[in-house]
Every structure is written in structure tokens, then in C-alpha cells.
């Protein structure tokens, strides 16, 4: 019997509270397994985005541990920063309006030192080639690199943001409500894009979402968070198809048009 792959990212009994406030997370444990997308679902204020910030190394847990490849997460570690990339919720605010798309997408290549040593011209050429490939991977033409964010639609801006996230060849994308700011038709296209990248680039996607249809389409595993605690987790097909916790059942009942096929999710 083949052993299950080790977790890329894991939170072990983490707790977190903002200064002067009540705990936002309490004894939360989740694991990100290569090739198995993970959804973090729950109502607004449940603690989903805070947990994502801990997995990104943007905050430190007050208790418990966050691990990357089995070791204590060090957010300054270049291997971690290359392997784990974020995709933020709002494509209108996550892109620098003063920079062309090519410069935005190539930023990780420069900040992580991923360009081969050589002359400035050679490095510029390499960056342009890798940017063009990243743009093609998200369905944008190479000449999109010359445009500014305001020249793109909302869905195209999110594609630029995803291109920036994948240009470094990450193993994990952490996406915080990646389609909530988009119209319905564009949401479908971006969800299909993320699912395709998981297959073609071998990227494992972690999604924070309240949209259970998005969760069913993208994630093999789901963790349900209520008031800072994980109340149910497992295969998405099981969690959405036959929920055991009353809170999960209430979430499903709040989406009456969620089809049976959507509830079954990926294997």
C-alpha cells in the first residue's frame, strides 16, 4: 500500500487572537496534501482568512504550530516564499496601477532571485519569456504584458494576479475568496482556470470561500470552520454530500439551489 504524501503545509492546534480581542482561532488543525485542494469554509467572521494568513506566514499563531514541509514555518525562507503564493480577493486593489502587467507578473522572479546570473539584457529577456508563458497559462496573450491594470476587465485582472502567483513555479496557491468580486460568468471562467492549473502545473489550491459550488468544483478536501474552530473536515464529497455537523447542514441549507452533482465534488 502506497503511503500518503506528506503535507506541504499544516496547522497543528493553532490559536490566534487580535490584540485585546477574543480568540479568533482555537485549536485548529488542517493539512495541505499535494494534489488535493483544500477548502476552508464558513460564515463571515469564522476565522477562515485569519487561518490563511497563518499559513502564509503573515501572522504568527499565539499557540500551536504552522509547518512547511514538516518544519516550523519561517516566512523569510526563500524556499517557502517560492513554494507558497497568494491570490487575493480583490483584483482591483491587488495590482499596482502604476505598473504594467509584465512588471507586476515578473516581480516574484526578481524578489526571489529566480533569474539566472548574467547581463541585465539577458535577465530582462529571461523575465519577459517567463512572464509571457505565465500569461499564456492563464489565457492572456503575451502582449498583455504591456498594458496597465485599468486596461483589463475584472476577470482579466484576476488572471494577471494568478499569473503573478504561478510565475515562480509554486507548489501551493492560497486563494482568499478569489472569485467573489467577479460577475457570475467570469467566476465560472476563473474557477475553471484554477482547476486547470492544478492539473497542468501540479499546483495544490487552498481556497477560502463561502461559495460551496466553488468549493465542490476545486477542492478534494474541505474543513468547515465555525467561530474559530474546525467542526467538520474530510473529503468534500462526504462533507457536502452527507454532513455530520449541524453547522455544516445549515451552510448547505442556505444554498438551496446547490445541485447534487456539485455536492459530490471531486474524488
C-alpha atoms as a PDB file:
ATOM      1  CA  UNK A   1       0.000   0.000   0.000  1.00  0.00           C
ATOM      2  CA  UNK A   2       1.444   3.377  -1.023  1.00  0.00           C
ATOM      3  CA  UNK A   3       1.963   5.811   1.838  1.00  0.00           C
ATOM      4  CA  UNK A   4       0.062   9.087   1.678  1.00  0.00           C
ATOM      5  CA  UNK A   5       2.207  12.050   0.629  1.00  0.00           C
ATOM      6  CA  UNK A   6       3.455  14.275   3.441  1.00  0.00           C
ATOM      7  CA  UNK A   7       1.706  17.594   3.991  1.00  0.00           C
ATOM      8  CA  UNK A   8       3.230  20.656   2.343  1.00  0.00           C
ATOM      9  CA  UNK A   9       1.585  22.975   4.870  1.00  0.00           C
ATOM     10  CA  UNK A  10      -0.020  22.087   8.174  1.00  0.00           C
ATOM     11  CA  UNK A  11      -1.521  23.893  11.130  1.00  0.00           C
ATOM     12  CA  UNK A  12      -1.421  21.933  14.388  1.00  0.00           C
ATOM     13  CA  UNK A  13      -3.810  23.080  17.114  1.00  0.00           C
ATOM     14  CA  UNK A  14      -3.213  26.741  16.320  1.00  0.00           C
ATOM     15  CA  UNK A  15      -4.823  29.555  18.240  1.00  0.00           C
ATOM     16  CA  UNK A  16      -4.877  33.244  17.458  1.00  0.00           C
ATOM     17  CA  UNK A  17      -6.376  36.405  18.904  1.00  0.00           C
ATOM     18  CA  UNK A  18      -6.076  40.002  17.794  1.00  0.00           C
ATOM     19  CA  UNK A  19      -4.745  42.337  20.462  1.00  0.00           C
ATOM     20  CA  UNK A  20      -7.351  42.967  23.116  1.00  0.00           C
ATOM     21  CA  UNK A  21      -9.917  40.712  21.459  1.00  0.00           C
ATOM     22  CA  UNK A  22     -11.365  37.273  21.989  1.00  0.00           C
ATOM     23  CA  UNK A  23      -9.723  34.271  20.301  1.00  0.00           C
ATOM     24  CA  UNK A  24     -10.307  34.170  16.546  1.00  0.00           C
ATOM     25  CA  UNK A  25      -8.959  30.620  16.197  1.00  0.00           C
ATOM     26  CA  UNK A  26      -8.836  27.876  18.830  1.00  0.00           C
ATOM     27  CA  UNK A  27      -7.044  24.529  18.457  1.00  0.00           C
ATOM     28  CA  UNK A  28      -7.385  24.478  14.665  1.00  0.00           C
ATOM     29  CA  UNK A  29      -5.638  21.686  12.757  1.00  0.00           C
ATOM     30  CA  UNK A  30      -5.626  21.352   8.960  1.00  0.00           C
ATOM     31  CA  UNK A  31      -3.211  19.850   6.438  1.00  0.00           C
ATOM     32  CA  UNK A  32      -2.493  20.691   2.798  1.00  0.00           C
ATOM     33  CA  UNK A  33      -1.657  17.490   0.926  1.00  0.00           C
ATOM     34  CA  UNK A  34      -0.018  17.679  -2.517  1.00  0.00           C
ATOM     35  CA  UNK A  35      -2.563  17.227  -5.274  1.00  0.00           C
ATOM     36  CA  UNK A  36      -5.605  17.560  -3.009  1.00  0.00           C
ATOM     37  CA  UNK A  37      -7.151  21.015  -2.997  1.00  0.00           C
ATOM     38  CA  UNK A  38      -8.368  22.162   0.417  1.00  0.00           C
ATOM     39  CA  UNK A  39     -11.331  24.445   1.062  1.00  0.00           C
ATOM     40  CA  UNK A  40     -11.786  26.483   4.232  1.00  0.00           C
ATOM     41  CA  UNK A  41     -15.473  27.290   4.504  1.00  0.00           C
ATOM     42  CA  UNK A  42     -17.701  29.049   6.993  1.00  0.00           C
ATOM     43  CA  UNK A  43     -19.656  32.230   7.543  1.00  0.00           C
ATOM     44  CA  UNK A  44     -18.062  35.690   7.644  1.00  0.00           C
ATOM     45  CA  UNK A  45     -16.033  36.113  10.821  1.00  0.00           C
ATOM     46  CA  UNK A  46     -15.493  32.382  11.303  1.00  0.00           C
ATOM     47  CA  UNK A  47     -11.691  32.764  11.142  1.00  0.00           C
ATOM     48  CA  UNK A  48     -11.021  31.469   7.624  1.00  0.00           C
ATOM     49  CA  UNK A  49      -8.935  34.421   6.419  1.00  0.00           C
ATOM     50  CA  UNK A  50      -7.003  34.537   9.693  1.00  0.00           C
ATOM     51  CA  UNK A  51      -6.066  30.886   9.220  1.00  0.00           C
ATOM     52  CA  UNK A  52      -4.961  31.641   5.668  1.00  0.00           C
ATOM     53  CA  UNK A  53      -2.750  34.459   6.992  1.00  0.00           C
ATOM     54  CA  UNK A  54      -1.097  31.999   9.378  1.00  0.00           C
ATOM     55  CA  UNK A  55      -0.465  29.548   6.526  1.00  0.00           C
ATOM     56  CA  UNK A  56       1.055  32.409   4.505  1.00  0.00           C
ATOM     57  CA  UNK A  57       3.326  33.403   7.372  1.00  0.00           C
ATOM     58  CA  UNK A  58       1.747  36.873   7.556  1.00  0.00           C
ATOM     59  CA  UNK A  59       0.918  36.307  11.225  1.00  0.00           C
ATOM     60  CA  UNK A  60       2.250  34.022  13.974  1.00  0.00           C
ATOM     61  CA  UNK A  61      -0.057  31.753  15.987  1.00  0.00           C
ATOM     62  CA  UNK A  62      -0.471  32.526  19.675  1.00  0.00           C
ATOM     63  CA  UNK A  63      -0.447  28.773  20.296  1.00  0.00           C
ATOM     64  CA  UNK A  64       0.186  25.659  18.264  1.00  0.00           C
ATOM     65  CA  UNK A  65       2.453  25.353  15.232  1.00  0.00           C
ATOM     66  CA  UNK A  66       2.405  26.014  11.493  1.00  0.00           C
ATOM     67  CA  UNK A  67       4.672  23.714   9.488  1.00  0.00           C
ATOM     68  CA  UNK A  68       6.110  23.860   5.984  1.00  0.00           C
ATOM     69  CA  UNK A  69       7.475  20.531   4.719  1.00  0.00           C
ATOM     70  CA  UNK A  70       7.427  19.245   8.289  1.00  0.00           C
ATOM     71  CA  UNK A  71       9.494  22.062   9.813  1.00  0.00           C
ATOM     72  CA  UNK A  72       8.483  25.216  11.636  1.00  0.00           C
ATOM     73  CA  UNK A  73       7.360  27.762   9.062  1.00  0.00           C
ATOM     74  CA  UNK A  74       9.834  30.594   8.518  1.00  0.00           C
ATOM     75  CA  UNK A  75       8.143  33.295   6.395  1.00  0.00           C
ATOM     76  CA  UNK A  76      11.571  34.678   5.387  1.00  0.00           C
ATOM     77  CA  UNK A  77      12.699  31.352   3.972  1.00  0.00           C
ATOM     78  CA  UNK A  78      13.076  31.767   0.222  1.00  0.00           C
ATOM     79  CA  UNK A  79      12.044  28.160  -0.450  1.00  0.00           C
ATOM     80  CA  UNK A  80       8.748  28.776   1.378  1.00  0.00           C
ATOM     81  CA  UNK A  81       8.112  32.082  -0.385  1.00  0.00           C
ATOM     82  CA  UNK A  82       8.645  30.435  -3.756  1.00  0.00           C
ATOM     83  CA  UNK A  83       6.569  27.355  -2.953  1.00  0.00           C
ATOM     84  CA  UNK A  84       3.538  29.114  -1.430  1.00  0.00           C
ATOM     85  CA  UNK A  85       1.960  32.024  -3.277  1.00  0.00           C
ATOM     86  CA  UNK A  86      -1.208  34.026  -2.528  1.00  0.00           C
ATOM     87  CA  UNK A  87      -4.108  35.060  -4.757  1.00  0.00           C
ATOM     88  CA  UNK A  88      -6.075  37.855  -3.126  1.00  0.00           C
ATOM     89  CA  UNK A  89      -9.781  38.544  -3.214  1.00  0.00           C
ATOM     90  CA  UNK A  90      -9.952  41.890  -4.992  1.00  0.00           C
ATOM     91  CA  UNK A  91      -8.190  42.141  -8.379  1.00  0.00           C
ATOM     92  CA  UNK A  92      -8.921  45.877  -8.380  1.00  0.00           C
ATOM     93  CA  UNK A  93      -6.713  46.593  -5.362  1.00  0.00           C
ATOM     94  CA  UNK A  94      -4.123  43.795  -5.508  1.00  0.00           C
ATOM     95  CA  UNK A  95      -2.390  45.112  -8.654  1.00  0.00           C
ATOM     96  CA  UNK A  96      -0.223  48.247  -8.628  1.00  0.00           C
ATOM     97  CA  UNK A  97      -1.995  50.650 -11.014  1.00  0.00           C
ATOM     98  CA  UNK A  98       1.303  52.420 -11.825  1.00  0.00           C
ATOM     99  CA  UNK A  99       2.986  49.320 -13.249  1.00  0.00           C
ATOM    100  CA  UNK A 100       2.448  47.426 -16.470  1.00  0.00           C
ATOM    101  CA  UNK A 101       1.253  43.835 -16.184  1.00  0.00           C
ATOM    102  CA  UNK A 102       4.632  42.474 -17.251  1.00  0.00           C
ATOM    103  CA  UNK A 103       6.356  44.241 -14.372  1.00  0.00           C
ATOM    104  CA  UNK A 104       3.699  43.048 -11.930  1.00  0.00           C
ATOM    105  CA  UNK A 105       3.946  39.421 -13.025  1.00  0.00           C
ATOM    106  CA  UNK A 106       7.753  39.390 -13.033  1.00  0.00           C
ATOM    107  CA  UNK A 107       8.093  40.817  -9.506  1.00  0.00           C
ATOM    108  CA  UNK A 108       8.462  37.384  -7.801  1.00  0.00           C
ATOM    109  CA  UNK A 109      11.242  36.444 -10.230  1.00  0.00           C
ATOM    110  CA  UNK A 110      13.260  39.444  -9.066  1.00  0.00           C
ATOM    111  CA  UNK A 111      12.394  39.411  -5.364  1.00  0.00           C
ATOM    112  CA  UNK A 112      13.077  35.670  -5.027  1.00  0.00           C
ATOM    113  CA  UNK A 113      16.257  35.746  -7.118  1.00  0.00           C
ATOM    114  CA  UNK A 114      14.901  33.290  -9.696  1.00  0.00           C
ATOM    115  CA  UNK A 115      16.553  34.811 -12.774  1.00  0.00           C
ATOM    116  CA  UNK A 116      19.775  33.233 -13.982  1.00  0.00           C
ATOM    117  CA  UNK A 117      23.008  35.187 -13.442  1.00  0.00           C
ATOM    118  CA  UNK A 118      24.035  37.211 -16.457  1.00  0.00           C
ATOM    119  CA  UNK A 119      23.871  40.615 -18.053  1.00  0.00           C
ATOM    120  CA  UNK A 120      20.964  42.945 -17.441  1.00  0.00           C
ATOM    121  CA  UNK A 121      19.779  42.371 -21.010  1.00  0.00           C
ATOM    122  CA  UNK A 122      19.874  38.584 -20.604  1.00  0.00           C
ATOM    123  CA  UNK A 123      17.956  38.755 -17.346  1.00  0.00           C
ATOM    124  CA  UNK A 124      15.396  41.078 -18.909  1.00  0.00           C
ATOM    125  CA  UNK A 125      14.920  38.669 -21.811  1.00  0.00           C
ATOM    126  CA  UNK A 126      14.520  35.679 -19.489  1.00  0.00           C
ATOM    127  CA  UNK A 127      11.969  37.566 -17.378  1.00  0.00           C
ATOM    128  CA  UNK A 128       9.989  38.525 -20.485  1.00  0.00           C
ATOM    129  CA  UNK A 129       9.891  34.901 -21.661  1.00  0.00           C
ATOM    130  CA  UNK A 130       8.719  33.612 -18.279  1.00  0.00           C
ATOM    131  CA  UNK A 131       6.116  36.354 -17.972  1.00  0.00           C
ATOM    132  CA  UNK A 132       4.791  35.547 -21.455  1.00  0.00           C
ATOM    133  CA  UNK A 133       4.495  31.857 -20.517  1.00  0.00           C
ATOM    134  CA  UNK A 134       2.679  32.700 -17.270  1.00  0.00           C
ATOM    135  CA  UNK A 135       0.259  34.960 -19.131  1.00  0.00           C
ATOM    136  CA  UNK A 136      -0.409  32.259 -21.719  1.00  0.00           C
ATOM    137  CA  UNK A 137      -1.062  29.785 -18.910  1.00  0.00           C
ATOM    138  CA  UNK A 138      -3.901  31.974 -17.625  1.00  0.00           C
ATOM    139  CA  UNK A 139      -5.349  32.609 -21.069  1.00  0.00           C
ATOM    140  CA  UNK A 140      -3.893  36.053 -21.791  1.00  0.00           C
ATOM    141  CA  UNK A 141      -1.775  36.968 -24.827  1.00  0.00           C
ATOM    142  CA  UNK A 142       1.888  37.784 -24.345  1.00  0.00           C
ATOM    143  CA  UNK A 143       1.298  41.412 -25.395  1.00  0.00           C
ATOM    144  CA  UNK A 144      -0.909  41.851 -22.298  1.00  0.00           C
ATOM    145  CA  UNK A 145       2.397  42.466 -20.504  1.00  0.00           C
ATOM    146  CA  UNK A 146       2.465  45.994 -21.982  1.00  0.00           C
ATOM    147  CA  UNK A 147      -0.922  47.010 -20.559  1.00  0.00           C
ATOM    148  CA  UNK A 148      -1.774  48.676 -17.251  1.00  0.00           C
ATOM    149  CA  UNK A 149      -4.307  47.185 -14.786  1.00  0.00           C
ATOM    150  CA  UNK A 150      -7.014  49.723 -15.686  1.00  0.00           C
ATOM    151  CA  UNK A 151      -6.944  48.418 -19.272  1.00  0.00           C
ATOM    152  CA  UNK A 152      -8.179  44.969 -18.164  1.00  0.00           C
ATOM    153  CA  UNK A 153     -11.609  43.734 -17.133  1.00  0.00           C
ATOM    154  CA  UNK A 154     -12.089  42.401 -13.605  1.00  0.00           C
ATOM    155  CA  UNK A 155     -11.677  38.812 -14.715  1.00  0.00           C
ATOM    156  CA  UNK A 156      -8.561  39.653 -16.699  1.00  0.00           C
ATOM    157  CA  UNK A 157      -7.074  41.444 -13.695  1.00  0.00           C
ATOM    158  CA  UNK A 158      -7.582  38.331 -11.592  1.00  0.00           C
ATOM    159  CA  UNK A 159      -5.860  36.333 -14.349  1.00  0.00           C
ATOM    160  CA  UNK A 160      -2.906  38.729 -14.139  1.00  0.00           C
ATOM    161  CA  UNK A 161      -2.842  38.214 -10.361  1.00  0.00           C
ATOM    162  CA  UNK A 162      -2.866  34.437 -10.864  1.00  0.00           C
ATOM    163  CA  UNK A 163      -0.075  34.734 -13.455  1.00  0.00           C
ATOM    164  CA  UNK A 164       1.988  36.627 -10.867  1.00  0.00           C
ATOM    165  CA  UNK A 165       1.337  33.816  -8.381  1.00  0.00           C
ATOM    166  CA  UNK A 166       2.377  30.972 -10.720  1.00  0.00           C
ATOM    167  CA  UNK A 167       5.392  32.571 -12.444  1.00  0.00           C
ATOM    168  CA  UNK A 168       7.720  31.337  -9.683  1.00  0.00           C
ATOM    169  CA  UNK A 169       6.556  27.721 -10.099  1.00  0.00           C
ATOM    170  CA  UNK A 170       4.839  27.364  -6.700  1.00  0.00           C
ATOM    171  CA  UNK A 171       3.560  24.154  -5.178  1.00  0.00           C
ATOM    172  CA  UNK A 172       0.618  25.761  -3.370  1.00  0.00           C
ATOM    173  CA  UNK A 173      -1.727  28.649  -4.173  1.00  0.00           C
ATOM    174  CA  UNK A 174      -3.550  30.164  -1.202  1.00  0.00           C
ATOM    175  CA  UNK A 175      -6.613  31.928  -2.588  1.00  0.00           C
ATOM    176  CA  UNK A 176      -8.814  34.132  -0.406  1.00  0.00           C
ATOM    177  CA  UNK A 177     -12.297  34.369  -1.974  1.00  0.00           C
ATOM    178  CA  UNK A 178     -10.654  34.555  -5.436  1.00  0.00           C
ATOM    179  CA  UNK A 179     -13.904  34.980  -7.395  1.00  0.00           C
ATOM    180  CA  UNK A 180     -16.214  36.830  -5.006  1.00  0.00           C
ATOM    181  CA  UNK A 181     -15.518  40.236  -6.609  1.00  0.00           C
ATOM    182  CA  UNK A 182     -16.365  38.962 -10.100  1.00  0.00           C
ATOM    183  CA  UNK A 183     -19.627  38.575 -12.005  1.00  0.00           C
ATOM    184  CA  UNK A 184     -21.160  35.112 -12.293  1.00  0.00           C
ATOM    185  CA  UNK A 185     -19.913  34.303 -15.809  1.00  0.00           C
ATOM    186  CA  UNK A 186     -16.385  35.439 -15.002  1.00  0.00           C
ATOM    187  CA  UNK A 187     -16.413  33.432 -11.766  1.00  0.00           C
ATOM    188  CA  UNK A 188     -17.009  30.250 -13.728  1.00  0.00           C
ATOM    189  CA  UNK A 189     -14.083  31.001 -16.052  1.00  0.00           C
ATOM    190  CA  UNK A 190     -11.670  31.780 -13.205  1.00  0.00           C
ATOM    191  CA  UNK A 191     -12.716  28.647 -11.298  1.00  0.00           C
ATOM    192  CA  UNK A 192     -12.100  26.591 -14.454  1.00  0.00           C
ATOM    193  CA  UNK A 193      -8.705  28.290 -14.806  1.00  0.00           C
ATOM    194  CA  UNK A 194      -7.692  27.436 -11.225  1.00  0.00           C
ATOM    195  CA  UNK A 195      -8.834  23.851 -11.711  1.00  0.00           C
ATOM    196  CA  UNK A 196      -6.874  23.611 -14.949  1.00  0.00           C
ATOM    197  CA  UNK A 197      -3.710  24.974 -13.330  1.00  0.00           C
ATOM    198  CA  UNK A 198      -3.987  22.340 -10.626  1.00  0.00           C
ATOM    199  CA  UNK A 199      -3.882  19.689 -13.357  1.00  0.00           C
ATOM    200  CA  UNK A 200      -1.366  21.196 -15.785  1.00  0.00           C
ATOM    201  CA  UNK A 201       1.057  22.811 -13.302  1.00  0.00           C
ATOM    202  CA  UNK A 202       0.695  20.401 -10.387  1.00  0.00           C
ATOM    203  CA  UNK A 203      -0.338  23.221  -8.078  1.00  0.00           C
ATOM    204  CA  UNK A 204      -2.352  22.456  -4.957  1.00  0.00           C
ATOM    205  CA  UNK A 205      -5.042  25.078  -4.383  1.00  0.00           C
ATOM    206  CA  UNK A 206      -6.231  26.153  -0.924  1.00  0.00           C
ATOM    207  CA  UNK A 207      -9.403  28.221  -1.183  1.00  0.00           C
ATOM    208  CA  UNK A 208     -11.149  30.348   1.411  1.00  0.00           C
ATOM    209  CA  UNK A 209     -14.738  30.620   0.252  1.00  0.00           C
ATOM    210  CA  UNK A 210     -18.334  30.822   1.354  1.00  0.00           C
ATOM    211  CA  UNK A 211     -19.398  29.664  -2.130  1.00  0.00           C
ATOM    212  CA  UNK A 212     -19.951  25.928  -1.830  1.00  0.00           C
ATOM    213  CA  UNK A 213     -20.249  25.478  -5.592  1.00  0.00           C
ATOM    214  CA  UNK A 214     -16.688  26.847  -5.958  1.00  0.00           C
ATOM    215  CA  UNK A 215     -15.532  24.517  -3.193  1.00  0.00           C
ATOM    216  CA  UNK A 216     -17.133  21.488  -4.862  1.00  0.00           C
ATOM    217  CA  UNK A 217     -15.530  22.330  -8.207  1.00  0.00           C
ATOM    218  CA  UNK A 218     -11.987  22.909  -6.938  1.00  0.00           C
ATOM    219  CA  UNK A 219     -11.264  21.060  -3.715  1.00  0.00           C
ATOM    220  CA  UNK A 220     -10.965  17.381  -2.851  1.00  0.00           C
ATOM    221  CA  UNK A 221     -10.977  18.145   0.881  1.00  0.00           C
ATOM    222  CA  UNK A 222     -12.963  20.608   2.981  1.00  0.00           C
ATOM    223  CA  UNK A 223     -12.625  21.987   6.506  1.00  0.00           C
ATOM    224  CA  UNK A 224     -15.674  23.711   7.985  1.00  0.00           C
ATOM    225  CA  UNK A 225     -14.909  26.472  10.484  1.00  0.00           C
ATOM    226  CA  UNK A 226     -17.418  27.850  12.977  1.00  0.00           C
ATOM    227  CA  UNK A 227     -16.421  30.615  15.395  1.00  0.00           C
ATOM    228  CA  UNK A 228     -12.741  29.814  15.173  1.00  0.00           C
ATOM    229  CA  UNK A 229     -12.987  26.038  15.456  1.00  0.00           C
ATOM    230  CA  UNK A 230     -12.962  23.269  12.856  1.00  0.00           C
ATOM    231  CA  UNK A 231     -16.263  21.464  13.372  1.00  0.00           C
ATOM    232  CA  UNK A 232     -16.026  19.073  10.430  1.00  0.00           C
ATOM    233  CA  UNK A 233     -13.454  18.108   7.816  1.00  0.00           C
ATOM    234  CA  UNK A 234     -12.769  15.392   5.296  1.00  0.00           C
ATOM    235  CA  UNK A 235     -13.423  14.580   1.648  1.00  0.00           C
ATOM    236  CA  UNK A 236     -15.525  17.282   0.034  1.00  0.00           C
ATOM    237  CA  UNK A 237     -17.878  14.607  -1.300  1.00  0.00           C
ATOM    238  CA  UNK A 238     -18.542  13.466   2.257  1.00  0.00           C
ATOM    239  CA  UNK A 239     -18.676  16.879   3.920  1.00  0.00           C
ATOM    240  CA  UNK A 240     -21.061  18.369   1.359  1.00  0.00           C
ATOM    241  CA  UNK A 241     -22.855  15.161   0.412  1.00  0.00           C
ATOM    242  CA  UNK A 242     -23.534  13.794   3.907  1.00  0.00           C
ATOM    243  CA  UNK A 243     -22.617  16.427   6.530  1.00  0.00           C
ATOM    244  CA  UNK A 244     -22.445  15.226  10.122  1.00  0.00           C
ATOM    245  CA  UNK A 245     -22.351  18.567  11.950  1.00  0.00           C
ATOM    246  CA  UNK A 246     -25.435  20.795  12.342  1.00  0.00           C
ATOM    247  CA  UNK A 247     -23.451  23.880  11.329  1.00  0.00           C
ATOM    248  CA  UNK A 248     -22.416  22.273   8.017  1.00  0.00           C
ATOM    249  CA  UNK A 249     -26.020  21.308   7.382  1.00  0.00           C
ATOM    250  CA  UNK A 250     -27.086  24.913   7.991  1.00  0.00           C
ATOM    251  CA  UNK A 251     -24.491  26.137   5.486  1.00  0.00           C
ATOM    252  CA  UNK A 252     -25.836  23.719   2.894  1.00  0.00           C
ATOM    253  CA  UNK A 253     -29.425  24.671   3.636  1.00  0.00           C
ATOM    254  CA  UNK A 254     -28.538  28.313   2.974  1.00  0.00           C
ATOM    255  CA  UNK A 255     -27.705  27.366  -0.646  1.00  0.00           C
ATOM    256  CA  UNK A 256     -30.933  25.637  -1.714  1.00  0.00           C
ATOM    257  CA  UNK A 257     -30.019  25.509  -5.402  1.00  0.00           C
ATOM    258  CA  UNK A 258     -26.727  23.693  -4.881  1.00  0.00           C
ATOM    259  CA  UNK A 259     -27.103  20.679  -7.151  1.00  0.00           C
ATOM    260  CA  UNK A 260     -26.465  17.135  -6.062  1.00  0.00           C
ATOM    261  CA  UNK A 261     -23.603  16.911  -8.587  1.00  0.00           C
ATOM    262  CA  UNK A 262     -21.991  19.998  -7.053  1.00  0.00           C
ATOM    263  CA  UNK A 263     -22.307  18.491  -3.585  1.00  0.00           C
ATOM    264  CA  UNK A 264     -20.439  15.386  -4.621  1.00  0.00           C
ATOM    265  CA  UNK A 265     -17.330  17.394  -5.567  1.00  0.00           C
ATOM    266  CA  UNK A 266     -14.052  15.969  -6.869  1.00  0.00           C
ATOM    267  CA  UNK A 267     -12.871  12.483  -5.776  1.00  0.00           C
END
